[in-house]
N, C-alpha and C. Protein backbone atom coordinates (compact mmCIF):
# COMPACT_ATOMS: atom_id res chain seq x y z
N UNK A 1 115.97 64.50 -11.45
CA UNK A 1 116.83 63.69 -10.16
C UNK A 1 117.38 65.57 -9.62
N UNK A 2 117.42 66.58 -9.99
CA UNK A 2 118.44 67.27 -9.84
C UNK A 2 117.30 68.68 -8.97
N UNK A 3 116.27 68.60 -8.62
CA UNK A 3 114.84 69.04 -8.64
C UNK A 3 115.11 68.37 -6.49
N UNK A 4 115.06 66.83 -7.32
CA UNK A 4 114.59 66.11 -5.74
C UNK A 4 116.32 65.83 -4.57
N UNK A 5 117.15 65.83 -5.53
CA UNK A 5 118.79 66.41 -4.56
C UNK A 5 118.85 67.96 -3.84
N UNK A 6 117.90 69.07 -4.78
CA UNK A 6 118.19 70.23 -4.16
C UNK A 6 117.13 70.03 -2.98
N UNK A 7 115.18 69.25 -3.37
CA UNK A 7 115.47 69.40 -2.38
C UNK A 7 115.28 68.73 -1.38
N UNK A 8 115.79 67.59 -1.53
CA UNK A 8 116.32 67.02 0.44
C UNK A 8 117.55 68.21 0.27
N UNK A 9 118.81 68.67 0.13
CA UNK A 9 119.74 69.21 0.64
C UNK A 9 118.91 70.29 1.65
N UNK A 10 117.62 70.63 0.90
CA UNK A 10 116.98 71.93 1.48
C UNK A 10 116.52 71.17 2.54
N UNK A 11 116.12 70.11 2.88
CA UNK A 11 114.95 70.03 4.17
C UNK A 11 116.02 69.30 5.11
N UNK A 12 117.17 68.05 4.41
CA UNK A 12 118.81 68.29 5.09
C UNK A 12 118.77 69.90 5.92
N UNK A 13 119.34 70.70 5.63
CA UNK A 13 119.12 71.57 6.29
C UNK A 13 118.49 72.07 7.44
N UNK A 14 117.57 72.45 6.83
CA UNK A 14 116.07 72.63 8.20
C UNK A 14 116.37 71.40 8.60
N UNK A 15 116.32 70.20 9.14
CA UNK A 15 116.47 69.54 10.27
C UNK A 15 117.96 69.32 10.69
N UNK A 16 118.51 69.88 10.14
CA UNK A 16 120.03 69.72 10.99
C UNK A 16 119.54 71.12 11.35
N UNK A 17 119.17 71.91 11.29
CA UNK A 17 119.44 73.41 12.19
C UNK A 17 118.09 73.04 12.88
N UNK A 18 117.19 72.71 12.84
CA UNK A 18 116.07 71.94 13.85
C UNK A 18 116.52 71.16 15.10
N UNK A 19 117.32 70.34 14.46
CA UNK A 19 117.20 69.42 15.39
C UNK A 19 119.15 69.13 16.75
N UNK A 20 120.43 70.13 15.85
CA UNK A 20 121.04 70.53 16.22
C UNK A 20 120.81 71.32 17.62
N UNK A 21 119.97 71.81 17.44
CA UNK A 21 120.08 73.22 18.96
C UNK A 21 119.09 72.10 20.22
N UNK A 22 118.54 71.21 19.79
CA UNK A 22 117.56 70.30 20.33
C UNK A 22 118.30 69.13 20.88
N UNK A 23 118.79 68.88 19.91
CA UNK A 23 119.70 67.78 20.24
C UNK A 23 121.60 67.94 21.07
N UNK A 24 121.56 69.04 21.01
CA UNK A 24 122.46 69.45 21.73
C UNK A 24 122.36 70.01 23.29
N UNK A 25 121.68 70.77 23.04
CA UNK A 25 121.28 71.44 24.64
C UNK A 25 121.52 70.62 25.29
N UNK A 26 121.20 69.33 25.72
CA UNK A 26 120.95 68.80 26.67
C UNK A 26 123.06 68.69 27.23
N UNK A 27 123.92 68.77 26.19
CA UNK A 27 125.43 68.79 26.47
C UNK A 27 126.09 70.33 27.15
N UNK A 28 124.88 71.29 27.23
CA UNK A 28 125.49 72.39 27.33
C UNK A 28 126.33 72.20 28.60
N UNK A 29 126.86 72.78 28.81
CA UNK A 29 127.57 72.81 30.29
C UNK A 29 127.40 74.67 30.67
N UNK A 30 127.77 74.80 32.28
CA UNK A 30 127.36 75.90 32.72
C UNK A 30 127.27 76.74 32.32
N UNK A 31 129.10 77.51 31.89
CA UNK A 31 129.10 78.49 31.19
C UNK A 31 128.43 78.92 29.93
N UNK A 32 128.09 77.84 28.86
CA UNK A 32 126.51 77.94 28.00
C UNK A 32 125.78 78.78 28.12
N UNK A 33 125.37 77.53 29.55
CA UNK A 33 123.71 78.16 30.28
C UNK A 33 123.86 80.00 30.49
N UNK A 34 125.03 80.12 30.92
CA UNK A 34 125.15 81.61 31.92
C UNK A 34 125.11 82.19 30.64
N UNK A 35 126.28 82.27 29.69
CA UNK A 35 126.05 83.05 28.34
C UNK A 35 124.61 83.06 27.41
N UNK A 36 124.41 81.86 27.69
CA UNK A 36 122.86 82.33 27.61
C UNK A 36 121.24 83.37 27.74
N UNK A 37 122.04 82.94 29.58
CA UNK A 37 120.63 83.85 30.53
C UNK A 37 121.18 85.37 30.20
N UNK A 38 122.65 85.27 29.98
CA UNK A 38 123.26 86.84 30.17
C UNK A 38 122.53 87.23 28.79
N UNK A 39 122.85 86.30 27.91
CA UNK A 39 121.92 87.60 26.17
C UNK A 39 120.59 87.30 26.29
N UNK A 40 120.12 85.89 27.25
CA UNK A 40 118.86 86.86 27.46
C UNK A 40 118.46 88.31 28.07
N UNK A 41 119.04 88.43 28.67
CA UNK A 41 118.96 89.25 30.40
C UNK A 41 118.63 90.27 29.23
N UNK A 42 120.20 90.38 28.55
CA UNK A 42 121.06 91.59 27.67
C UNK A 42 118.80 92.07 26.38
N UNK A 43 119.04 90.96 26.09
CA UNK A 43 117.87 91.28 24.48
C UNK A 43 116.47 91.27 25.81
N UNK A 44 115.60 91.44 26.80
CA UNK A 44 115.29 91.65 27.62
C UNK A 44 115.28 93.37 27.94
N UNK A 45 116.57 93.88 28.41
CA UNK A 45 116.38 95.11 28.10
C UNK A 45 116.54 95.58 27.11
N UNK A 46 117.07 95.12 25.84
CA UNK A 46 116.83 95.75 24.98
C UNK A 46 114.96 96.01 24.56
N UNK A 47 114.49 94.75 24.97
CA UNK A 47 113.13 94.72 24.54
C UNK A 47 112.84 96.22 25.27
N UNK A 48 112.48 96.48 26.64
CA UNK A 48 112.18 97.34 27.34
C UNK A 48 112.58 98.83 26.80
N UNK A 49 114.02 99.12 25.99
CA UNK A 49 113.94 100.59 25.35
C UNK A 49 113.80 100.18 24.25
N UNK A 50 113.37 99.22 23.14
CA UNK A 50 112.19 99.45 22.08
C UNK A 50 110.83 99.55 22.13
N UNK A 51 110.29 98.95 23.64
CA UNK A 51 109.18 99.62 23.72
C UNK A 51 108.99 100.70 23.89
N UNK A 52 109.84 101.15 24.77
CA UNK A 52 109.43 103.23 25.33
C UNK A 52 109.96 104.34 24.41
N UNK A 53 110.80 104.13 23.19
CA UNK A 53 111.01 104.43 21.98
C UNK A 53 110.28 103.89 20.57
N UNK A 54 108.96 103.18 20.42
CA UNK A 54 108.52 102.39 19.79
C UNK A 54 108.40 102.06 18.29
N UNK A 55 110.09 101.55 18.48
CA UNK A 55 110.67 101.59 17.54
C UNK A 55 110.23 100.03 16.95
N UNK A 56 109.51 99.32 17.49
CA UNK A 56 109.03 97.67 17.28
C UNK A 56 107.91 97.39 17.82
N UNK A 57 106.88 97.68 17.30
CA UNK A 57 105.83 97.36 17.77
C UNK A 57 104.75 96.69 17.77
N UNK A 58 105.54 95.66 17.43
CA UNK A 58 104.51 94.06 17.66
C UNK A 58 106.17 93.30 17.78
N UNK A 59 107.09 93.90 18.63
CA UNK A 59 108.16 92.73 18.53
C UNK A 59 108.04 91.17 19.07
N UNK A 60 107.20 91.03 20.67
CA UNK A 60 107.26 89.69 20.98
C UNK A 60 106.31 88.32 20.07
N UNK A 61 105.36 89.15 18.88
CA UNK A 61 104.83 87.66 17.92
C UNK A 61 105.52 87.81 16.53
N UNK A 62 105.98 88.57 16.70
CA UNK A 62 107.40 88.74 15.11
C UNK A 62 108.27 89.89 14.64
N UNK A 63 109.29 90.21 14.65
CA UNK A 63 109.96 91.32 14.20
C UNK A 63 110.31 91.01 13.33
N UNK A 64 110.74 91.59 12.51
CA UNK A 64 111.32 92.10 10.65
C UNK A 64 112.11 92.60 10.77
N UNK A 65 113.68 91.87 10.11
CA UNK A 65 114.43 93.24 10.50
C UNK A 65 115.43 93.54 8.69
N UNK A 66 115.14 95.20 8.61
CA UNK A 66 114.82 95.19 7.11
C UNK A 66 116.03 94.75 6.55
N UNK A 67 116.19 94.59 5.46
CA UNK A 67 117.36 93.65 4.85
C UNK A 67 116.97 94.35 3.41
N UNK A 68 118.47 95.13 2.20
CA UNK A 68 118.44 95.89 1.14
C UNK A 68 117.78 94.61 0.69
N UNK A 69 117.12 95.04 -0.74
CA UNK A 69 116.28 93.70 -1.57
C UNK A 69 116.81 92.66 -2.00
N UNK A 70 118.34 92.54 -2.34
CA UNK A 70 119.11 91.48 -3.02
C UNK A 70 119.01 90.39 -1.88
N UNK A 71 119.26 91.15 -0.21
CA UNK A 71 119.30 90.07 0.64
C UNK A 71 118.37 89.56 0.77
N UNK A 72 118.21 88.36 1.90
CA UNK A 72 117.24 87.62 2.40
C UNK A 72 116.90 88.65 3.05
N UNK A 73 115.08 88.11 3.62
CA UNK A 73 114.32 88.93 4.88
C UNK A 73 115.17 87.78 6.33
N UNK A 74 115.12 88.74 7.30
CA UNK A 74 114.73 87.63 8.26
C UNK A 74 113.67 87.81 9.30
N UNK A 75 113.25 87.24 9.42
CA UNK A 75 112.04 86.97 10.15
C UNK A 75 111.90 86.12 11.65
N UNK A 76 111.74 86.81 12.59
CA UNK A 76 112.21 86.20 13.57
C UNK A 76 111.05 85.90 13.86
N UNK A 77 110.15 84.75 14.25
CA UNK A 77 109.19 84.24 14.73
C UNK A 77 108.73 83.49 16.49
N UNK A 78 107.75 82.67 16.67
CA UNK A 78 107.74 82.66 17.97
C UNK A 78 107.07 80.95 17.28
N UNK A 79 108.11 79.68 17.85
CA UNK A 79 107.55 78.66 17.02
C UNK A 79 107.52 77.84 19.13
N UNK A 80 107.97 78.50 19.58
CA UNK A 80 107.43 77.82 21.51
C UNK A 80 107.37 76.41 21.82
N UNK A 81 105.65 77.02 20.82
CA UNK A 81 104.91 75.80 21.37
C UNK A 81 104.70 74.51 20.62
N UNK A 82 105.58 74.65 19.25
CA UNK A 82 106.10 73.38 18.37
C UNK A 82 107.94 72.70 19.96
N UNK A 83 107.87 73.57 20.31
CA UNK A 83 109.43 72.84 21.03
C UNK A 83 109.01 72.27 22.41
N UNK A 84 107.50 72.22 23.18
CA UNK A 84 107.02 71.39 23.98
C UNK A 84 108.18 71.64 25.20
N UNK A 85 108.34 72.88 25.54
CA UNK A 85 109.45 73.06 27.17
C UNK A 85 111.36 72.62 26.12
N UNK A 86 111.38 72.28 25.19
CA UNK A 86 113.11 71.97 24.65
C UNK A 86 113.68 73.50 24.94
N UNK A 87 114.87 73.91 25.01
CA UNK A 87 115.30 74.70 24.98
C UNK A 87 116.50 74.60 23.89
N UNK A 88 115.96 75.11 22.63
CA UNK A 88 116.37 75.10 20.95
C UNK A 88 116.38 76.37 20.16
N UNK A 89 117.06 76.35 19.14
CA UNK A 89 116.22 77.32 17.91
C UNK A 89 115.75 76.11 16.75
N UNK A 90 115.74 77.25 15.90
CA UNK A 90 114.72 76.66 14.76
C UNK A 90 115.27 78.06 13.67
N UNK A 91 116.27 77.25 12.21
CA UNK A 91 116.43 78.50 11.50
C UNK A 91 115.56 77.35 10.34
N UNK A 92 115.00 78.74 9.01
CA UNK A 92 114.70 77.36 8.22
C UNK A 92 114.27 78.55 7.68
N UNK A 93 114.73 78.50 5.78
CA UNK A 93 114.77 78.91 4.80
C UNK A 93 113.86 79.14 3.61
N UNK A 94 113.09 80.28 3.70
CA UNK A 94 111.95 80.53 2.96
C UNK A 94 112.01 80.63 1.31
N UNK A 95 112.60 79.94 0.24
CA UNK A 95 112.78 80.10 -1.14
C UNK A 95 112.43 80.67 -1.25
N UNK A 96 111.40 80.73 -1.59
CA UNK A 96 109.82 81.97 -2.53
C UNK A 96 110.01 82.93 -2.35
N UNK A 97 110.62 83.27 -0.89
CA UNK A 97 109.38 84.36 -0.19
C UNK A 97 111.40 85.46 0.23
N UNK A 98 112.38 84.75 -0.05
CA UNK A 98 113.60 84.57 0.43
C UNK A 98 113.64 85.61 1.54
N UNK A 99 113.40 84.65 2.38
CA UNK A 99 112.86 84.65 4.61
C UNK A 99 113.62 83.69 4.82
N UNK A 100 114.78 84.04 6.00
CA UNK A 100 115.47 82.84 7.03
C UNK A 100 114.02 82.81 8.31
N UNK A 101 113.65 82.21 8.38
CA UNK A 101 112.37 82.86 9.35
C UNK A 101 113.05 81.78 10.78
N UNK A 102 113.54 82.54 11.94
CA UNK A 102 114.41 82.09 13.08
C UNK A 102 113.23 82.46 14.35
N UNK A 103 113.51 81.08 15.34
CA UNK A 103 113.61 80.97 16.49
C UNK A 103 114.08 80.75 17.35
N UNK A 104 114.62 81.37 18.48
CA UNK A 104 115.28 81.89 19.08
C UNK A 104 116.48 82.64 18.42
N UNK A 105 117.43 83.16 17.62
CA UNK A 105 118.49 84.03 17.50
C UNK A 105 119.52 83.80 18.08
N UNK A 106 119.24 84.18 18.93
CA UNK A 106 120.92 84.52 20.31
C UNK A 106 120.88 82.90 20.16
N UNK A 107 119.74 81.97 20.18
CA UNK A 107 120.79 80.58 20.16
C UNK A 107 121.08 80.36 19.11
N UNK A 108 120.57 80.40 17.98
CA UNK A 108 121.43 80.10 16.77
C UNK A 108 122.39 80.83 16.17
N UNK A 109 123.11 82.19 16.79
CA UNK A 109 124.04 82.48 16.95
C UNK A 109 125.59 81.75 18.13
N UNK A 110 125.06 80.40 18.19
CA UNK A 110 126.17 80.12 19.40
C UNK A 110 125.99 78.68 18.54
N UNK A 111 127.70 79.26 18.28
CA UNK A 111 127.99 77.57 17.18
C UNK A 111 128.47 76.05 18.55
N UNK A 112 128.27 75.42 17.68
CA UNK A 112 127.82 74.56 18.46
C UNK A 112 128.08 72.86 17.44
N UNK A 113 128.75 72.11 18.47
CA UNK A 113 129.34 70.72 17.11
C UNK A 113 127.65 70.33 16.29
N UNK A 114 127.46 69.41 15.52
CA UNK A 114 126.00 68.84 14.53
C UNK A 114 125.83 67.97 15.13
N UNK A 115 126.32 66.98 16.11
CA UNK A 115 126.34 66.26 16.86
C UNK A 115 125.56 65.38 15.48
N UNK A 116 124.61 64.61 15.79
CA UNK A 116 124.01 63.08 14.96
C UNK A 116 123.32 63.78 13.65
N UNK A 117 122.62 65.81 14.10
CA UNK A 117 122.83 65.75 12.79
C UNK A 117 123.43 65.55 12.01
N UNK A 118 124.43 65.93 11.48
CA UNK A 118 125.68 65.37 10.72
C UNK A 118 125.43 64.65 9.29
N UNK A 119 125.29 63.73 10.57
CA UNK A 119 124.41 61.94 9.41
C UNK A 119 124.10 62.04 8.00
N UNK A 120 123.02 63.45 7.64
CA UNK A 120 122.10 63.18 7.51
C UNK A 120 123.09 63.99 6.25
N UNK A 121 123.78 64.78 5.63
CA UNK A 121 125.06 65.44 5.43
C UNK A 121 125.76 64.49 4.51
N UNK A 122 126.47 63.57 5.62
CA UNK A 122 127.31 62.43 5.32
C UNK A 122 126.86 61.76 4.44
N UNK A 123 125.79 61.26 4.68
CA UNK A 123 124.76 60.10 3.40
C UNK A 123 124.67 60.82 2.49
N UNK A 124 124.58 61.66 2.72
CA UNK A 124 124.56 62.44 1.21
C UNK A 124 124.67 62.87 0.16
N UNK A 125 126.26 62.20 0.73
CA UNK A 125 127.41 63.04 -0.06
C UNK A 125 128.19 61.22 0.11
N UNK A 126 127.65 60.16 0.75
CA UNK A 126 128.22 59.13 0.69
C UNK A 126 127.69 58.58 -0.60
N UNK A 127 126.15 58.69 -0.58
CA UNK A 127 125.24 57.83 -1.12
C UNK A 127 125.50 59.08 -3.19
N UNK A 128 125.07 60.08 -3.08
CA UNK A 128 125.90 60.94 -4.31
C UNK A 128 127.82 60.49 -4.55
N UNK A 129 128.24 59.78 -3.86
CA UNK A 129 129.54 59.75 -4.58
C UNK A 129 129.72 58.27 -3.78
N UNK A 130 129.13 57.83 -4.07
CA UNK A 130 128.57 56.26 -4.44
C UNK A 130 129.77 55.41 -3.24
N UNK A 131 130.14 56.30 -1.85
CA UNK A 131 131.11 55.48 -1.21
C UNK A 131 129.88 54.89 -0.83
N UNK A 132 128.38 55.31 -0.70
CA UNK A 132 127.99 53.88 0.52
C UNK A 132 127.51 53.42 -0.66
N UNK A 133 127.04 52.18 -1.48
CA UNK A 133 126.19 51.42 -2.11
C UNK A 133 124.81 51.03 -0.88
N UNK A 134 123.62 50.94 -1.99
CA UNK A 134 122.71 50.68 -1.30
C UNK A 134 122.39 49.26 -1.58
N UNK A 135 123.23 48.86 -1.93
CA UNK A 135 122.53 46.81 -1.77
C UNK A 135 123.91 46.44 -1.34
N UNK A 136 124.87 47.80 -0.71
CA UNK A 136 126.10 46.68 -0.12
C UNK A 136 126.23 48.16 1.26
N UNK A 137 126.16 47.97 2.42
CA UNK A 137 126.32 49.20 3.17
C UNK A 137 126.70 49.01 4.64
N UNK A 138 126.81 47.11 4.77
CA UNK A 138 127.44 46.52 6.36
C UNK A 138 128.74 46.79 5.97
N UNK A 139 129.05 47.27 7.20
CA UNK A 139 130.64 47.31 8.05
C UNK A 139 130.84 46.89 8.98
N UNK A 140 132.00 46.06 9.49
CA UNK A 140 132.83 45.70 10.12
C UNK A 140 132.67 46.08 11.54
N UNK A 141 132.30 45.25 12.43
CA UNK A 141 132.23 46.02 13.63
C UNK A 141 134.22 45.73 14.35
N UNK A 142 134.37 47.10 14.81
CA UNK A 142 135.70 46.77 15.50
C UNK A 142 136.07 45.59 16.53
N UNK A 143 135.19 45.84 17.50
CA UNK A 143 135.50 45.21 18.74
C UNK A 143 135.43 45.94 19.27
N UNK A 144 135.01 47.63 19.60
CA UNK A 144 135.88 48.40 20.06
C UNK A 144 134.12 47.95 21.37
N UNK A 145 133.70 48.14 22.18
CA UNK A 145 132.47 48.14 23.33
C UNK A 145 132.11 49.80 23.30
N UNK A 146 130.50 50.02 23.27
CA UNK A 146 130.43 51.28 23.26
C UNK A 146 129.23 51.32 24.66
N UNK A 147 129.35 52.44 24.72
CA UNK A 147 127.69 52.80 25.63
C UNK A 147 126.98 52.34 25.08
N UNK A 148 126.52 53.00 23.71
CA UNK A 148 125.02 51.80 23.09
C UNK A 148 125.64 50.30 22.43
N UNK A 149 124.82 49.31 23.14
CA UNK A 149 124.68 48.06 22.87
C UNK A 149 124.14 47.75 21.23
N UNK A 150 123.20 48.90 20.91
CA UNK A 150 122.97 48.35 19.78
C UNK A 150 123.66 49.89 18.79
N UNK A 151 125.19 49.69 18.44
CA UNK A 151 126.56 50.05 17.63
C UNK A 151 127.20 48.63 17.95
N UNK A 152 127.42 47.74 19.50
CA UNK A 152 128.34 46.76 19.50
C UNK A 152 127.47 45.61 18.64
N UNK A 153 127.97 45.62 16.99
CA UNK A 153 128.24 44.32 16.10
C UNK A 153 128.39 44.67 14.88
N UNK A 154 128.07 44.15 13.31
CA UNK A 154 128.07 44.77 12.10
C UNK A 154 127.25 45.39 12.10
N UNK A 155 126.89 46.38 11.08
CA UNK A 155 125.68 47.24 11.47
C UNK A 155 125.58 47.89 10.02
N UNK A 156 124.74 48.06 8.73
CA UNK A 156 124.35 48.10 7.93
C UNK A 156 124.14 50.01 8.39
N UNK A 157 123.89 50.40 6.92
CA UNK A 157 123.61 51.65 7.33
C UNK A 157 121.51 52.10 7.50
N UNK A 158 121.19 51.65 7.39
CA UNK A 158 119.28 51.88 7.83
C UNK A 158 119.64 51.83 9.34
N UNK A 159 120.10 50.53 9.81
CA UNK A 159 119.79 50.55 11.03
C UNK A 159 121.46 51.41 11.58
N UNK A 160 122.05 51.85 11.40
CA UNK A 160 123.22 52.48 11.84
C UNK A 160 122.88 54.29 12.03
N UNK A 161 121.37 54.54 10.60
CA UNK A 161 120.74 55.78 10.77
C UNK A 161 119.85 56.21 12.04
N UNK A 162 119.58 54.94 11.58
CA UNK A 162 118.02 54.22 13.23
C UNK A 162 118.71 54.68 14.53
N UNK A 163 119.28 54.40 15.10
CA UNK A 163 120.39 53.97 15.34
C UNK A 163 121.51 54.93 16.74
N UNK A 164 121.82 56.35 15.61
CA UNK A 164 122.92 57.08 14.90
C UNK A 164 123.73 56.51 15.74
N UNK A 165 124.81 55.60 14.80
CA UNK A 165 126.03 54.83 15.31
C UNK A 165 126.82 55.56 14.74
N UNK A 166 127.46 56.40 15.51
CA UNK A 166 128.62 56.79 15.82
C UNK A 166 129.78 56.92 15.00
N UNK A 167 130.47 55.73 15.53
CA UNK A 167 131.61 54.41 14.30
C UNK A 167 131.19 54.43 12.95
N UNK A 168 129.92 54.13 12.52
CA UNK A 168 129.88 53.84 11.27
C UNK A 168 129.88 55.29 10.50
N UNK A 169 128.92 56.51 11.13
CA UNK A 169 129.66 57.72 10.54
C UNK A 169 130.96 58.35 10.95
N UNK A 170 131.19 57.85 11.19
CA UNK A 170 133.21 58.43 11.10
C UNK A 170 133.82 57.31 10.57
N UNK A 171 133.56 56.02 10.24
CA UNK A 171 133.93 55.71 9.13
C UNK A 171 133.89 56.41 8.13
N UNK A 172 132.64 56.72 7.34
CA UNK A 172 132.02 56.95 6.66
C UNK A 172 132.60 58.30 5.75
N UNK A 173 132.33 58.93 7.33
CA UNK A 173 133.30 60.00 6.56
C UNK A 173 134.36 60.49 6.65
N UNK A 174 135.38 59.51 7.30
CA UNK A 174 137.15 59.25 6.88
C UNK A 174 137.08 58.75 5.87
N UNK A 175 136.32 58.79 5.67
CA UNK A 175 136.24 57.40 3.42
C UNK A 175 135.71 59.22 2.67
N UNK A 176 135.02 59.61 2.98
CA UNK A 176 134.61 60.37 1.97
C UNK A 176 135.82 61.77 2.60
N UNK A 177 136.10 62.16 3.60
CA UNK A 177 137.34 62.47 3.36
C UNK A 177 136.86 64.41 3.20
N UNK A 178 138.11 65.50 4.12
CA UNK A 178 137.62 66.74 4.26
C UNK A 178 137.47 67.25 3.33
N UNK A 179 138.11 67.33 2.13
CA UNK A 179 138.24 67.89 0.67
C UNK A 179 136.34 67.46 1.04
N UNK A 180 136.49 66.20 0.12
CA UNK A 180 135.86 66.04 -0.32
C UNK A 180 133.82 66.66 0.60
N UNK A 181 134.29 66.62 1.32
CA UNK A 181 133.01 67.55 2.28
C UNK A 181 132.83 68.48 1.46
N UNK A 182 134.21 69.52 2.14
CA UNK A 182 133.94 71.07 1.68
C UNK A 182 133.80 70.98 0.34
N UNK A 183 134.02 70.63 -0.04
CA UNK A 183 134.06 70.57 -2.17
C UNK A 183 132.51 70.66 -2.79
N UNK A 184 131.84 69.52 -2.15
CA UNK A 184 130.47 69.08 -2.25
C UNK A 184 129.93 69.80 -2.90
N UNK A 185 129.87 71.06 -3.02
CA UNK A 185 128.02 71.59 -3.54
C UNK A 185 127.26 72.14 -2.21
N UNK A 186 127.00 71.08 -1.03
CA UNK A 186 126.04 71.71 -0.32
C UNK A 186 127.00 72.95 0.63
N UNK A 187 127.65 73.64 0.70
CA UNK A 187 128.37 75.24 1.18
C UNK A 187 127.22 75.01 2.68
N UNK A 188 127.17 74.62 3.10
CA UNK A 188 126.27 73.98 4.74
C UNK A 188 127.22 75.20 5.78
N UNK A 189 127.53 75.13 6.14
CA UNK A 189 128.14 75.86 7.13
C UNK A 189 128.70 75.40 8.86
N UNK A 190 128.91 74.06 8.49
CA UNK A 190 129.77 73.36 9.34
C UNK A 190 130.90 73.84 9.29
């Protein structure tokens, strides 16, 4: 059971980081886009210098940033082909090799709202704390009309998760409470 929960947490963590930046990138304002462009130009300038000084031989394929033996290794990797043109980043932690695999590290450093990816964490906590009971998950719709018509009715957990129903997960998070989320043991940087 503990292995299953640990595995679920690991999968959730990976999915969150993969989708946070892919799903939220469409909501970037002009300032964020300019910041990213400036970071990219700065990075390109640094790369040119690195090539001149031969500090990094194979930067465009894979860059390994050396760390002390007790800290995880950070590996920059090119996963552009998996993003199919989407503007985003991915950070995965390989437990067995003590490595962070990072695609687009400059984007990974930009703090953003977790958007709908937080429903994964809130669902996990709510199920563990029995706030959501598997046989009784339907919540009553308040009557507030939302832009997504699929949210405008009483809805159960499965449908709320599938449709990313914001009002459902707001209620779940309110019931969980900030203290329980912070003390959940997940230790995720939200």
